[in-house]
């Protein structure tokens, strides 16, 4: 069986199969999983969208999710569905669902409007010290002996 590859449209993963899918399919699957947990039916079977009774439920959620993605954008819908406010919502037809997604849409727009900080490159960066305590490690002691230094000469921390 051929797995779907990640593309610009298919950047989300199905929980049940591990294949890449569209945002609407991902959201529909999340809602079906929440619905199954609410009904106490356990986890969803492999490729549940092609089996009864989930086929029609998935299709309905997919149609609604496509409309919401067109209206609010992928990121806002995905964030809203996985948010704590969506915890007790089991269908995208719920009266509060659109309001919550609208709220996350404004949050996403505000995040996009913020200027992004650039990472500054520092040319004169200081290097870390080689020894961190009074005693150097064994390798440092061996290096000092090889270089002709006594054990306590080369270390800054030795003050007796």
C-alpha atoms as a PDB file:
ATOM      1  CA  UNK A   1       0.000   0.000   0.000  1.00  0.00           C
ATOM      2  CA  UNK A   2       1.400   3.388  -0.993  1.00  0.00           C
ATOM      3  CA  UNK A   3       1.634   6.056   1.714  1.00  0.00           C
ATOM      4  CA  UNK A   4       0.744   9.615   0.883  1.00  0.00           C
ATOM      5  CA  UNK A   5       3.749  11.966   0.826  1.00  0.00           C
ATOM      6  CA  UNK A   6       3.982  15.263   2.630  1.00  0.00           C
ATOM      7  CA  UNK A   7       3.086  18.174   0.382  1.00  0.00           C
ATOM      8  CA  UNK A   8       2.017  21.769   0.897  1.00  0.00           C
ATOM      9  CA  UNK A   9      -1.642  20.629   1.054  1.00  0.00           C
ATOM     10  CA  UNK A  10      -0.995  17.430   3.011  1.00  0.00           C
ATOM     11  CA  UNK A  11       1.071  18.509   5.983  1.00  0.00           C
ATOM     12  CA  UNK A  12      -0.978  16.924   8.768  1.00  0.00           C
ATOM     13  CA  UNK A  13      -0.885  13.254   9.774  1.00  0.00           C
ATOM     14  CA  UNK A  14      -3.775  10.863  10.338  1.00  0.00           C
ATOM     15  CA  UNK A  15      -3.626   9.427  13.847  1.00  0.00           C
ATOM     16  CA  UNK A  16      -5.094   6.121  12.742  1.00  0.00           C
ATOM     17  CA  UNK A  17      -2.888   5.433   9.690  1.00  0.00           C
ATOM     18  CA  UNK A  18       0.138   7.718   9.928  1.00  0.00           C
ATOM     19  CA  UNK A  19      -0.424   8.954   6.351  1.00  0.00           C
ATOM     20  CA  UNK A  20      -0.277  12.642   5.534  1.00  0.00           C
ATOM     21  CA  UNK A  21      -3.618  14.346   4.974  1.00  0.00           C
ATOM     22  CA  UNK A  22      -5.188  17.752   4.530  1.00  0.00           C
ATOM     23  CA  UNK A  23      -6.072  19.964   7.453  1.00  0.00           C
ATOM     24  CA  UNK A  24      -9.794  19.310   6.985  1.00  0.00           C
ATOM     25  CA  UNK A  25      -9.286  15.523   7.093  1.00  0.00           C
ATOM     26  CA  UNK A  26      -7.121  15.881  10.214  1.00  0.00           C
ATOM     27  CA  UNK A  27      -9.751  18.022  11.953  1.00  0.00           C
ATOM     28  CA  UNK A  28     -12.542  15.617  10.941  1.00  0.00           C
ATOM     29  CA  UNK A  29     -10.543  12.707  12.361  1.00  0.00           C
ATOM     30  CA  UNK A  30      -9.923  14.529  15.638  1.00  0.00           C
ATOM     31  CA  UNK A  31     -13.645  15.226  15.972  1.00  0.00           C
ATOM     32  CA  UNK A  32     -14.539  11.583  15.222  1.00  0.00           C
ATOM     33  CA  UNK A  33     -11.994  10.416  17.808  1.00  0.00           C
ATOM     34  CA  UNK A  34     -13.465  12.769  20.427  1.00  0.00           C
ATOM     35  CA  UNK A  35     -16.944  11.527  19.533  1.00  0.00           C
ATOM     36  CA  UNK A  36     -15.862   7.882  19.932  1.00  0.00           C
ATOM     37  CA  UNK A  37     -14.269   8.626  23.298  1.00  0.00           C
ATOM     38  CA  UNK A  38     -17.431  10.405  24.413  1.00  0.00           C
ATOM     39  CA  UNK A  39     -19.560   7.403  23.407  1.00  0.00           C
ATOM     40  CA  UNK A  40     -17.089   5.110  25.215  1.00  0.00           C
ATOM     41  CA  UNK A  41     -16.428   3.114  22.043  1.00  0.00           C
ATOM     42  CA  UNK A  42     -12.650   3.017  22.431  1.00  0.00           C
ATOM     43  CA  UNK A  43     -10.182   3.908  19.725  1.00  0.00           C
ATOM     44  CA  UNK A  44     -11.120   4.186  16.085  1.00  0.00           C
ATOM     45  CA  UNK A  45     -10.262   1.298  13.711  1.00  0.00           C
ATOM     46  CA  UNK A  46      -7.688   1.557  10.931  1.00  0.00           C
ATOM     47  CA  UNK A  47      -9.091   3.693   8.082  1.00  0.00           C
ATOM     48  CA  UNK A  48     -12.335   4.131  10.001  1.00  0.00           C
ATOM     49  CA  UNK A  49     -13.682   6.612   7.424  1.00  0.00           C
ATOM     50  CA  UNK A  50     -14.438   3.759   5.061  1.00  0.00           C
ATOM     51  CA  UNK A  51     -16.295   1.598   7.629  1.00  0.00           C
ATOM     52  CA  UNK A  52     -19.741   1.822   9.149  1.00  0.00           C
ATOM     53  CA  UNK A  53     -20.876   3.695  11.317  1.00  0.00           C
ATOM     54  CA  UNK A  54     -18.021   6.208  10.995  1.00  0.00           C
ATOM     55  CA  UNK A  55     -18.118   6.762   7.227  1.00  0.00           C
ATOM     56  CA  UNK A  56     -21.007   9.208   7.247  1.00  0.00           C
ATOM     57  CA  UNK A  57     -19.880  10.931  10.454  1.00  0.00           C
ATOM     58  CA  UNK A  58     -16.415  11.500   8.992  1.00  0.00           C
ATOM     59  CA  UNK A  59     -17.824  12.819   5.696  1.00  0.00           C
ATOM     60  CA  UNK A  60     -20.109  15.263   7.509  1.00  0.00           C
ATOM     61  CA  UNK A  61     -17.253  16.548   9.679  1.00  0.00           C
ATOM     62  CA  UNK A  62     -14.989  16.779   6.612  1.00  0.00           C
ATOM     63  CA  UNK A  63     -17.475  18.947   4.704  1.00  0.00           C
ATOM     64  CA  UNK A  64     -17.864  21.300   7.663  1.00  0.00           C
ATOM     65  CA  UNK A  65     -14.093  21.367   8.269  1.00  0.00           C
ATOM     66  CA  UNK A  66     -13.438  22.324   4.633  1.00  0.00           C
ATOM     67  CA  UNK A  67     -15.762  25.305   5.020  1.00  0.00           C
ATOM     68  CA  UNK A  68     -14.110  26.373   8.276  1.00  0.00           C
ATOM     69  CA  UNK A  69     -10.618  26.078   6.787  1.00  0.00           C
ATOM     70  CA  UNK A  70     -11.667  28.268   3.848  1.00  0.00           C
ATOM     71  CA  UNK A  71     -13.157  30.841   6.222  1.00  0.00           C
ATOM     72  CA  UNK A  72     -10.565  30.934   9.031  1.00  0.00           C
ATOM     73  CA  UNK A  73      -7.412  29.218   7.749  1.00  0.00           C
ATOM     74  CA  UNK A  74      -5.722  25.915   8.565  1.00  0.00           C
ATOM     75  CA  UNK A  75      -3.689  27.027  11.561  1.00  0.00           C
ATOM     76  CA  UNK A  76      -6.598  28.622  13.409  1.00  0.00           C
ATOM     77  CA  UNK A  77      -8.881  25.594  12.916  1.00  0.00           C
ATOM     78  CA  UNK A  78      -6.188  23.084  13.942  1.00  0.00           C
ATOM     79  CA  UNK A  79      -5.246  25.086  17.048  1.00  0.00           C
ATOM     80  CA  UNK A  80      -8.878  25.550  18.060  1.00  0.00           C
ATOM     81  CA  UNK A  81      -9.811  21.875  17.707  1.00  0.00           C
ATOM     82  CA  UNK A  82      -6.854  20.842  19.894  1.00  0.00           C
ATOM     83  CA  UNK A  83      -7.498  23.574  22.472  1.00  0.00           C
ATOM     84  CA  UNK A  84      -8.957  23.056  25.968  1.00  0.00           C
ATOM     85  CA  UNK A  85     -12.082  25.027  24.977  1.00  0.00           C
ATOM     86  CA  UNK A  86     -12.942  22.266  22.487  1.00  0.00           C
ATOM     87  CA  UNK A  87     -12.704  19.555  25.147  1.00  0.00           C
ATOM     88  CA  UNK A  88     -16.460  18.970  25.471  1.00  0.00           C
ATOM     89  CA  UNK A  89     -17.322  19.699  21.828  1.00  0.00           C
ATOM     90  CA  UNK A  90     -17.785  16.562  19.721  1.00  0.00           C
ATOM     91  CA  UNK A  91     -18.971  18.030  16.418  1.00  0.00           C
ATOM     92  CA  UNK A  92     -18.009  20.997  14.289  1.00  0.00           C
ATOM     93  CA  UNK A  93     -21.754  21.785  14.103  1.00  0.00           C
ATOM     94  CA  UNK A  94     -21.767  22.734  17.802  1.00  0.00           C
ATOM     95  CA  UNK A  95     -23.065  26.301  18.376  1.00  0.00           C
ATOM     96  CA  UNK A  96     -19.885  27.397  20.224  1.00  0.00           C
ATOM     97  CA  UNK A  97     -17.427  25.805  17.763  1.00  0.00           C
ATOM     98  CA  UNK A  98     -17.391  28.665  15.272  1.00  0.00           C
ATOM     99  CA  UNK A  99     -16.908  31.266  18.031  1.00  0.00           C
ATOM    100  CA  UNK A 100     -13.917  29.397  19.449  1.00  0.00           C
ATOM    101  CA  UNK A 101     -12.364  29.040  15.991  1.00  0.00           C
ATOM    102  CA  UNK A 102     -12.964  32.762  15.370  1.00  0.00           C
ATOM    103  CA  UNK A 103     -11.124  33.517  18.633  1.00  0.00           C
ATOM    104  CA  UNK A 104      -8.131  31.421  17.555  1.00  0.00           C
ATOM    105  CA  UNK A 105      -8.234  33.083  14.132  1.00  0.00           C
ATOM    106  CA  UNK A 106      -7.708  36.486  15.763  1.00  0.00           C
ATOM    107  CA  UNK A 107      -4.867  35.037  17.875  1.00  0.00           C
ATOM    108  CA  UNK A 108      -3.155  33.679  14.754  1.00  0.00           C
ATOM    109  CA  UNK A 109      -3.562  37.039  12.985  1.00  0.00           C
ATOM    110  CA  UNK A 110      -2.032  38.849  15.966  1.00  0.00           C
ATOM    111  CA  UNK A 111       0.918  36.437  16.019  1.00  0.00           C
ATOM    112  CA  UNK A 112       1.527  37.003  12.308  1.00  0.00           C
ATOM    113  CA  UNK A 113       1.409  40.795  12.793  1.00  0.00           C
ATOM    114  CA  UNK A 114       4.146  40.756  15.464  1.00  0.00           C
ATOM    115  CA  UNK A 115       7.602  41.573  14.158  1.00  0.00           C
ATOM    116  CA  UNK A 116       9.922  38.608  14.352  1.00  0.00           C
ATOM    117  CA  UNK A 117      13.215  39.109  16.175  1.00  0.00           C
ATOM    118  CA  UNK A 118      16.341  38.429  14.209  1.00  0.00           C
ATOM    119  CA  UNK A 119      19.212  36.481  15.714  1.00  0.00           C
ATOM    120  CA  UNK A 120      22.270  38.703  15.978  1.00  0.00           C
ATOM    121  CA  UNK A 121      25.670  37.275  15.178  1.00  0.00           C
ATOM    122  CA  UNK A 122      28.370  38.217  17.702  1.00  0.00           C
ATOM    123  CA  UNK A 123      31.934  38.214  16.379  1.00  0.00           C
ATOM    124  CA  UNK A 124      33.693  38.673  19.696  1.00  0.00           C
ATOM    125  CA  UNK A 125      32.071  35.829  21.570  1.00  0.00           C
ATOM    126  CA  UNK A 126      33.932  34.638  24.654  1.00  0.00           C
ATOM    127  CA  UNK A 127      34.844  31.004  24.971  1.00  0.00           C
ATOM    128  CA  UNK A 128      33.937  28.923  27.989  1.00  0.00           C
ATOM    129  CA  UNK A 129      36.542  28.210  30.628  1.00  0.00           C
ATOM    130  CA  UNK A 130      38.271  24.857  30.382  1.00  0.00           C
ATOM    131  CA  UNK A 131      38.270  24.150  34.101  1.00  0.00           C
ATOM    132  CA  UNK A 132      35.332  24.775  36.388  1.00  0.00           C
ATOM    133  CA  UNK A 133      36.606  24.184  39.860  1.00  0.00           C
ATOM    134  CA  UNK A 134      39.712  24.064  41.965  1.00  0.00           C
ATOM    135  CA  UNK A 135      40.654  20.694  40.521  1.00  0.00           C
ATOM    136  CA  UNK A 136      41.037  20.137  36.795  1.00  0.00           C
ATOM    137  CA  UNK A 137      39.866  16.906  35.306  1.00  0.00           C
ATOM    138  CA  UNK A 138      42.273  14.042  34.632  1.00  0.00           C
ATOM    139  CA  UNK A 139      42.712  14.906  30.958  1.00  0.00           C
ATOM    140  CA  UNK A 140      43.607  18.501  31.834  1.00  0.00           C
ATOM    141  CA  UNK A 141      46.223  17.264  34.322  1.00  0.00           C
ATOM    142  CA  UNK A 142      47.735  14.969  31.649  1.00  0.00           C
ATOM    143  CA  UNK A 143      47.875  17.844  29.138  1.00  0.00           C
ATOM    144  CA  UNK A 144      49.638  20.021  31.705  1.00  0.00           C
ATOM    145  CA  UNK A 145      52.201  17.309  32.446  1.00  0.00           C
ATOM    146  CA  UNK A 146      52.850  16.780  28.699  1.00  0.00           C
ATOM    147  CA  UNK A 147      53.362  20.504  28.184  1.00  0.00           C
ATOM    148  CA  UNK A 148      55.949  20.580  30.963  1.00  0.00           C
ATOM    149  CA  UNK A 149      53.811  22.319  33.569  1.00  0.00           C
ATOM    150  CA  UNK A 150      53.463  21.136  37.114  1.00  0.00           C
ATOM    151  CA  UNK A 151      50.011  19.956  38.224  1.00  0.00           C
ATOM    152  CA  UNK A 152      49.008  23.262  39.829  1.00  0.00           C
ATOM    153  CA  UNK A 153      50.708  25.768  37.490  1.00  0.00           C
ATOM    154  CA  UNK A 154      48.267  25.976  34.579  1.00  0.00           C
ATOM    155  CA  UNK A 155      44.988  26.116  36.472  1.00  0.00           C
ATOM    156  CA  UNK A 156      43.388  29.373  37.549  1.00  0.00           C
ATOM    157  CA  UNK A 157      41.430  27.865  40.427  1.00  0.00           C
ATOM    158  CA  UNK A 158      44.414  26.522  42.440  1.00  0.00           C
ATOM    159  CA  UNK A 159      45.227  28.883  45.259  1.00  0.00           C
ATOM    160  CA  UNK A 160      46.856  27.298  48.269  1.00  0.00           C
END
